[in-house]
C-alpha atoms as a PDB file:
ATOM      1  CA  UNK A   1    -103.383-140.451 -99.739  1.00  0.00           C
ATOM      2  CA  UNK A   2    -106.529-140.710 -97.652  1.00  0.00           C
ATOM      3  CA  UNK A   3    -106.155-140.663 -93.981  1.00  0.00           C
ATOM      4  CA  UNK A   4    -108.943-142.238 -91.783  1.00  0.00           C
ATOM      5  CA  UNK A   5    -108.387-142.113 -87.884  1.00  0.00           C
ATOM      6  CA  UNK A   6    -110.875-143.807 -85.535  1.00  0.00           C
ATOM      7  CA  UNK A   7    -111.414-142.555 -82.015  1.00  0.00           C
ATOM      8  CA  UNK A   8    -114.343-141.666 -79.521  1.00  0.00           C
ATOM      9  CA  UNK A   9    -114.426-138.097 -78.516  1.00  0.00           C
ATOM     10  CA  UNK A  10    -114.617-137.353 -74.725  1.00  0.00           C
ATOM     11  CA  UNK A  11    -117.386-134.763 -73.940  1.00  0.00           C
ATOM     12  CA  UNK A  12    -116.410-131.429 -72.478  1.00  0.00           C
ATOM     13  CA  UNK A  13    -119.937-130.145 -71.746  1.00  0.00           C
ATOM     14  CA  UNK A  14    -120.913-126.563 -70.860  1.00  0.00           C
ATOM     15  CA  UNK A  15    -124.467-125.790 -69.829  1.00  0.00           C
ATOM     16  CA  UNK A  16    -125.606-122.093 -69.641  1.00  0.00           C
ATOM     17  CA  UNK A  17    -129.110-120.897 -69.282  1.00  0.00           C
ATOM     18  CA  UNK A  18    -130.406-117.364 -69.830  1.00  0.00           C
ATOM     19  CA  UNK A  19    -133.924-116.388 -69.285  1.00  0.00           C
ATOM     20  CA  UNK A  20    -135.200-113.388 -71.322  1.00  0.00           C
ATOM     21  CA  UNK A  21    -138.687-112.030 -71.695  1.00  0.00           C
ATOM     22  CA  UNK A  22    -139.801-111.049 -75.241  1.00  0.00           C
ATOM     23  CA  UNK A  23    -142.900-109.962 -77.021  1.00  0.00           C
ATOM     24  CA  UNK A  24    -145.999-110.617 -74.829  1.00  0.00           C
ATOM     25  CA  UNK A  25    -145.410-110.216 -71.181  1.00  0.00           C
ATOM     26  CA  UNK A  26    -145.798-113.993 -70.497  1.00  0.00           C
ATOM     27  CA  UNK A  27    -143.299-115.136 -73.143  1.00  0.00           C
ATOM     28  CA  UNK A  28    -139.829-116.090 -72.288  1.00  0.00           C
ATOM     29  CA  UNK A  29    -136.812-118.091 -73.524  1.00  0.00           C
ATOM     30  CA  UNK A  30    -134.069-120.166 -71.994  1.00  0.00           C
ATOM     31  CA  UNK A  31    -130.913-121.495 -73.653  1.00  0.00           C
ATOM     32  CA  UNK A  32    -128.275-124.183 -72.816  1.00  0.00           C
ATOM     33  CA  UNK A  33    -125.140-125.023 -74.719  1.00  0.00           C
ATOM     34  CA  UNK A  34    -123.026-128.182 -74.883  1.00  0.00           C
ATOM     35  CA  UNK A  35    -119.686-128.813 -76.708  1.00  0.00           C
ATOM     36  CA  UNK A  36    -116.959-131.210 -77.616  1.00  0.00           C
ATOM     37  CA  UNK A  37    -113.398-129.751 -78.059  1.00  0.00           C
ATOM     38  CA  UNK A  38    -111.144-130.790 -80.865  1.00  0.00           C
ATOM     39  CA  UNK A  39    -109.966-134.465 -80.653  1.00  0.00           C
ATOM     40  CA  UNK A  40    -108.028-136.679 -83.039  1.00  0.00           C
ATOM     41  CA  UNK A  41    -110.898-138.412 -84.932  1.00  0.00           C
ATOM     42  CA  UNK A  42    -112.181-139.975 -87.898  1.00  0.00           C
ATOM     43  CA  UNK A  43    -115.321-141.753 -86.570  1.00  0.00           C
ATOM     44  CA  UNK A  44    -116.695-140.232 -83.400  1.00  0.00           C
ATOM     45  CA  UNK A  45    -119.856-141.225 -81.625  1.00  0.00           C
ATOM     46  CA  UNK A  46    -120.169-139.088 -78.536  1.00  0.00           C
ATOM     47  CA  UNK A  47    -122.982-137.488 -76.389  1.00  0.00           C
ATOM     48  CA  UNK A  48    -123.753-133.959 -76.029  1.00  0.00           C
ATOM     49  CA  UNK A  49    -125.789-133.311 -72.916  1.00  0.00           C
ATOM     50  CA  UNK A  50    -128.387-130.494 -72.487  1.00  0.00           C
ATOM     51  CA  UNK A  51    -130.484-129.785 -69.395  1.00  0.00           C
ATOM     52  CA  UNK A  52    -134.216-130.496 -69.745  1.00  0.00           C
ATOM     53  CA  UNK A  53    -136.946-127.800 -69.570  1.00  0.00           C
ATOM     54  CA  UNK A  54    -138.357-127.666 -65.988  1.00  0.00           C
ATOM     55  CA  UNK A  55    -142.113-127.639 -66.525  1.00  0.00           C
ATOM     56  CA  UNK A  56    -142.531-125.591 -63.303  1.00  0.00           C
ATOM     57  CA  UNK A  57    -141.421-122.571 -65.181  1.00  0.00           C
ATOM     58  CA  UNK A  58    -144.348-122.730 -67.545  1.00  0.00           C
ATOM     59  CA  UNK A  59    -145.555-124.296 -70.751  1.00  0.00           C
ATOM     60  CA  UNK A  60    -142.999-125.273 -73.423  1.00  0.00           C
ATOM     61  CA  UNK A  61    -144.063-123.910 -76.861  1.00  0.00           C
ATOM     62  CA  UNK A  62    -140.984-124.707 -79.062  1.00  0.00           C
ATOM     63  CA  UNK A  63    -137.522-125.771 -79.108  1.00  0.00           C
ATOM     64  CA  UNK A  64    -134.717-124.279 -81.376  1.00  0.00           C
ATOM     65  CA  UNK A  65    -131.558-126.282 -81.957  1.00  0.00           C
ATOM     66  CA  UNK A  66    -128.540-124.850 -83.411  1.00  0.00           C
ATOM     67  CA  UNK A  67    -125.615-127.272 -84.393  1.00  0.00           C
ATOM     68  CA  UNK A  68    -122.058-126.184 -85.474  1.00  0.00           C
ATOM     69  CA  UNK A  69    -119.435-128.891 -86.707  1.00  0.00           C
ATOM     70  CA  UNK A  70    -115.845-128.100 -87.200  1.00  0.00           C
ATOM     71  CA  UNK A  71    -112.828-130.036 -88.837  1.00  0.00           C
ATOM     72  CA  UNK A  72    -109.204-129.311 -88.360  1.00  0.00           C
ATOM     73  CA  UNK A  73    -106.048-130.875 -89.986  1.00  0.00           C
ATOM     74  CA  UNK A  74    -102.395-130.779 -89.704  1.00  0.00           C
ATOM     75  CA  UNK A  75    -100.594-132.152 -92.959  1.00  0.00           C
ATOM     76  CA  UNK A  76     -97.146-132.633 -94.228  1.00  0.00           C
ATOM     77  CA  UNK A  77     -96.062-133.607 -97.864  1.00  0.00           C
ATOM     78  CA  UNK A  78     -92.856-134.155 -99.801  1.00  0.00           C
ATOM     79  CA  UNK A  79     -92.638-134.006-103.593  1.00  0.00           C
ATOM     80  CA  UNK A  80     -90.068-136.810-104.595  1.00  0.00           C
ATOM     81  CA  UNK A  81     -90.467-136.228-108.456  1.00  0.00           C
ATOM     82  CA  UNK A  82     -87.861-134.620-110.735  1.00  0.00           C
ATOM     83  CA  UNK A  83     -90.145-131.712-111.428  1.00  0.00           C
ATOM     84  CA  UNK A  84     -92.192-129.200-109.521  1.00  0.00           C
ATOM     85  CA  UNK A  85     -95.684-129.935-108.912  1.00  0.00           C
ATOM     86  CA  UNK A  86     -98.789-128.347-107.282  1.00  0.00           C
ATOM     87  CA  UNK A  87    -100.287-129.859-104.231  1.00  0.00           C
ATOM     88  CA  UNK A  88    -103.845-129.701-102.733  1.00  0.00           C
ATOM     89  CA  UNK A  89    -104.940-130.797 -99.351  1.00  0.00           C
ATOM     90  CA  UNK A  90    -108.657-131.414 -99.481  1.00  0.00           C
ATOM     91  CA  UNK A  91    -110.757-131.542 -96.104  1.00  0.00           C
ATOM     92  CA  UNK A  92    -114.089-133.243 -96.100  1.00  0.00           C
ATOM     93  CA  UNK A  93    -116.370-134.711 -93.419  1.00  0.00           C
ATOM     94  CA  UNK A  94    -119.629-135.993 -92.585  1.00  0.00           C
ATOM     95  CA  UNK A  95    -121.284-134.806 -89.180  1.00  0.00           C
ATOM     96  CA  UNK A  96    -124.582-135.852 -87.860  1.00  0.00           C
ATOM     97  CA  UNK A  97    -126.565-135.042 -84.673  1.00  0.00           C
ATOM     98  CA  UNK A  98    -129.283-137.522 -83.508  1.00  0.00           C
ATOM     99  CA  UNK A  99    -131.841-137.507 -80.823  1.00  0.00           C
ATOM    100  CA  UNK A 100    -133.569-140.841 -79.782  1.00  0.00           C
ATOM    101  CA  UNK A 101    -132.183-142.434 -83.039  1.00  0.00           C
ATOM    102  CA  UNK A 102    -133.791-139.553 -84.982  1.00  0.00           C
ATOM    103  CA  UNK A 103    -131.492-137.708 -87.247  1.00  0.00           C
ATOM    104  CA  UNK A 104    -131.708-133.921 -86.799  1.00  0.00           C
ATOM    105  CA  UNK A 105    -128.826-132.705 -88.675  1.00  0.00           C
ATOM    106  CA  UNK A 106    -126.439-133.977 -91.384  1.00  0.00           C
ATOM    107  CA  UNK A 107    -123.578-131.485 -92.232  1.00  0.00           C
ATOM    108  CA  UNK A 108    -120.620-131.744 -94.774  1.00  0.00           C
ATOM    109  CA  UNK A 109    -118.090-129.164 -93.833  1.00  0.00           C
ATOM    110  CA  UNK A 110    -115.161-129.166 -96.498  1.00  0.00           C
ATOM    111  CA  UNK A 111    -112.399-126.860 -97.734  1.00  0.00           C
ATOM    112  CA  UNK A 112    -109.329-126.988-100.033  1.00  0.00           C
ATOM    113  CA  UNK A 113    -105.870-125.528 -99.607  1.00  0.00           C
ATOM    114  CA  UNK A 114    -103.321-125.205-102.543  1.00  0.00           C
ATOM    115  CA  UNK A 115     -99.483-125.119-102.411  1.00  0.00           C
ATOM    116  CA  UNK A 116     -96.679-125.361-104.823  1.00  0.00           C
ATOM    117  CA  UNK A 117     -93.443-127.240-104.137  1.00  0.00           C
ATOM    118  CA  UNK A 118     -90.194-127.616-106.245  1.00  0.00           C
ATOM    119  CA  UNK A 119     -88.515-130.765-107.498  1.00  0.00           C
ATOM    120  CA  UNK A 120     -87.288-133.153-104.932  1.00  0.00           C
ATOM    121  CA  UNK A 121     -84.284-131.713-102.894  1.00  0.00           C
ATOM    122  CA  UNK A 122     -82.859-135.058-101.767  1.00  0.00           C
ATOM    123  CA  UNK A 123     -84.241-135.081 -98.310  1.00  0.00           C
ATOM    124  CA  UNK A 124     -87.649-136.429 -97.160  1.00  0.00           C
ATOM    125  CA  UNK A 125     -88.417-134.161 -94.346  1.00  0.00           C
ATOM    126  CA  UNK A 126     -91.733-132.365 -95.232  1.00  0.00           C
ATOM    127  CA  UNK A 127     -89.797-129.036 -95.497  1.00  0.00           C
ATOM    128  CA  UNK A 128     -87.107-127.379 -97.605  1.00  0.00           C
ATOM    129  CA  UNK A 129     -87.812-126.689-101.260  1.00  0.00           C
ATOM    130  CA  UNK A 130     -89.789-129.841-102.113  1.00  0.00           C
ATOM    131  CA  UNK A 131     -91.646-130.325 -99.043  1.00  0.00           C
ATOM    132  CA  UNK A 132     -94.036-128.541 -96.581  1.00  0.00           C
ATOM    133  CA  UNK A 133     -95.758-128.945 -93.214  1.00  0.00           C
ATOM    134  CA  UNK A 134     -99.118-126.996 -92.689  1.00  0.00           C
ATOM    135  CA  UNK A 135    -101.268-126.840 -89.668  1.00  0.00           C
ATOM    136  CA  UNK A 136    -104.746-125.487 -88.587  1.00  0.00           C
ATOM    137  CA  UNK A 137    -106.394-126.179 -91.908  1.00  0.00           C
ATOM    138  CA  UNK A 138    -110.115-125.797 -90.871  1.00  0.00           C
ATOM    139  CA  UNK A 139    -113.673-126.330 -92.381  1.00  0.00           C
ATOM    140  CA  UNK A 140    -116.887-125.520 -90.598  1.00  0.00           C
ATOM    141  CA  UNK A 141    -120.580-125.506 -91.136  1.00  0.00           C
ATOM    142  CA  UNK A 142    -123.716-124.677 -89.168  1.00  0.00           C
ATOM    143  CA  UNK A 143    -127.428-125.173 -89.180  1.00  0.00           C
ATOM    144  CA  UNK A 144    -130.545-124.424 -87.144  1.00  0.00           C
ATOM    145  CA  UNK A 145    -133.855-126.008 -86.647  1.00  0.00           C
ATOM    146  CA  UNK A 146    -137.068-124.993 -84.871  1.00  0.00           C
ATOM    147  CA  UNK A 147    -139.546-127.673 -83.527  1.00  0.00           C
ATOM    148  CA  UNK A 148    -143.013-127.245 -82.303  1.00  0.00           C
ATOM    149  CA  UNK A 149    -144.386-130.858 -82.523  1.00  0.00           C
ATOM    150  CA  UNK A 150    -146.079-131.460 -79.068  1.00  0.00           C
ATOM    151  CA  UNK A 151    -144.839-135.237 -79.077  1.00  0.00           C
ATOM    152  CA  UNK A 152    -141.213-134.164 -79.937  1.00  0.00           C
ATOM    153  CA  UNK A 153    -141.197-131.610 -77.180  1.00  0.00           C
ATOM    154  CA  UNK A 154    -142.066-134.151 -74.504  1.00  0.00           C
ATOM    155  CA  UNK A 155    -138.386-135.448 -74.658  1.00  0.00           C
ATOM    156  CA  UNK A 156    -137.166-132.109 -73.601  1.00  0.00           C
ATOM    157  CA  UNK A 157    -139.330-131.864 -70.590  1.00  0.00           C
ATOM    158  CA  UNK A 158    -138.078-132.907 -67.226  1.00  0.00           C
ATOM    159  CA  UNK A 159    -135.595-132.349 -64.415  1.00  0.00           C
ATOM    160  CA  UNK A 160    -132.576-134.281 -65.934  1.00  0.00           C
ATOM    161  CA  UNK A 161    -130.568-134.090 -69.087  1.00  0.00           C
ATOM    162  CA  UNK A 162    -131.346-135.114 -72.613  1.00  0.00           C
ATOM    163  CA  UNK A 163    -128.449-136.632 -74.567  1.00  0.00           C
ATOM    164  CA  UNK A 164    -127.872-135.925 -78.276  1.00  0.00           C
ATOM    165  CA  UNK A 165    -125.451-138.078 -80.173  1.00  0.00           C
ATOM    166  CA  UNK A 166    -122.824-136.517 -82.266  1.00  0.00           C
ATOM    167  CA  UNK A 167    -121.114-138.598 -85.089  1.00  0.00           C
ATOM    168  CA  UNK A 168    -118.422-137.736 -87.386  1.00  0.00           C
ATOM    169  CA  UNK A 169    -116.489-139.309 -90.235  1.00  0.00           C
ATOM    170  CA  UNK A 170    -113.714-136.914 -91.619  1.00  0.00           C
ATOM    171  CA  UNK A 171    -111.580-137.631 -94.679  1.00  0.00           C
ATOM    172  CA  UNK A 172    -108.523-135.760 -95.675  1.00  0.00           C
ATOM    173  CA  UNK A 173    -106.809-136.169 -99.024  1.00  0.00           C
ATOM    174  CA  UNK A 174    -103.430-134.854-100.209  1.00  0.00           C
ATOM    175  CA  UNK A 175    -103.225-134.643-104.092  1.00  0.00           C
ATOM    176  CA  UNK A 176     -99.971-134.128-105.992  1.00  0.00           C
ATOM    177  CA  UNK A 177     -97.502-135.888-108.122  1.00  0.00           C
ATOM    178  CA  UNK A 178     -97.401-139.710-108.475  1.00  0.00           C
ATOM    179  CA  UNK A 179     -94.283-139.696-106.242  1.00  0.00           C
ATOM    180  CA  UNK A 180     -95.792-137.823-103.174  1.00  0.00           C
ATOM    181  CA  UNK A 181     -95.044-138.753 -99.443  1.00  0.00           C
ATOM    182  CA  UNK A 182     -97.681-137.162 -97.218  1.00  0.00           C
ATOM    183  CA  UNK A 183     -99.643-137.568 -93.968  1.00  0.00           C
ATOM    184  CA  UNK A 184    -102.796-135.896 -92.458  1.00  0.00           C
ATOM    185  CA  UNK A 185    -103.934-135.719 -88.891  1.00  0.00           C
ATOM    186  CA  UNK A 186    -107.661-134.941 -88.600  1.00  0.00           C
ATOM    187  CA  UNK A 187    -109.549-133.528 -85.684  1.00  0.00           C
ATOM    188  CA  UNK A 188    -113.239-132.630 -85.101  1.00  0.00           C
ATOM    189  CA  UNK A 189    -115.359-130.642 -82.637  1.00  0.00           C
ATOM    190  CA  UNK A 190    -119.102-129.770 -82.146  1.00  0.00           C
ATOM    191  CA  UNK A 191    -121.261-127.291 -80.464  1.00  0.00           C
ATOM    192  CA  UNK A 192    -124.941-127.252 -79.977  1.00  0.00           C
ATOM    193  CA  UNK A 193    -127.307-124.558 -78.470  1.00  0.00           C
ATOM    194  CA  UNK A 194    -130.900-125.443 -77.515  1.00  0.00           C
ATOM    195  CA  UNK A 195    -133.260-122.615 -76.809  1.00  0.00           C
ATOM    196  CA  UNK A 196    -136.579-123.269 -75.155  1.00  0.00           C
ATOM    197  CA  UNK A 197    -139.395-120.997 -75.946  1.00  0.00           C
ATOM    198  CA  UNK A 198    -142.273-121.106 -73.313  1.00  0.00           C
ATOM    199  CA  UNK A 199    -145.227-119.229 -71.753  1.00  0.00           C
ATOM    200  CA  UNK A 200    -144.350-118.334 -68.219  1.00  0.00           C
ATOM    201  CA  UNK A 201    -146.601-119.965 -65.575  1.00  0.00           C
ATOM    202  CA  UNK A 202    -148.900-117.170 -64.209  1.00  0.00           C
ATOM    203  CA  UNK A 203    -149.152-116.625 -60.414  1.00  0.00           C
ATOM    204  CA  UNK A 204    -152.705-116.062 -59.403  1.00  0.00           C
ATOM    205  CA  UNK A 205    -153.138-112.822 -57.250  1.00  0.00           C
ATOM    206  CA  UNK A 206    -154.099-113.247 -53.527  1.00  0.00           C
ATOM    207  CA  UNK A 207    -157.720-113.111 -52.812  1.00  0.00           C
ATOM    208  CA  UNK A 208    -159.255-110.514 -50.382  1.00  0.00           C
ATOM    209  CA  UNK A 209    -161.777-111.621 -47.751  1.00  0.00           C
ATOM    210  CA  UNK A 210    -164.273-109.076 -46.950  1.00  0.00           C
ATOM    211  CA  UNK A 211    -166.067-109.151 -43.499  1.00  0.00           C
END
């Protein structure tokens, strides 16, 4: 049985910035993160907001974006056949991250979990010898990209926020005998980290007047 649940995920955003000089004396980096916690899902379209780069700090040279998507499922199944059977819970999902209608990431986290249950014990309760309830089944995937295109970087410069769009379609399937009762509740979450690499704006030394 395939369970598809539709909902919009409320954003719980965390912004954190860290400045660190590296390499040349005028090179530095600044990072911000934003995340959405687990929510019941199948189709999600939710924003992930990141603070823009303040040009007063210097010249933005590049942006590195890290994206992690997670799926979590709780499932129950009952074998109503007269013989024992193996059962498999398959998790699969399509997660994407967009900016300004441009696709940046397309992830497909998936995982499988196998079980063995006995013939029907006469009670449909997702427990006993012929049934089982399982929780916290997970699948995760991450990816990172770096960008230096000048036109693309302009979207990240300013004094406000830049909004990414996180989308998720999750599919969970229970496979077993032809006489199987089952259910799956699927959840999704996402996290992004944006790192700004820039050259620090130099401060001119004070001039000396000779008289």
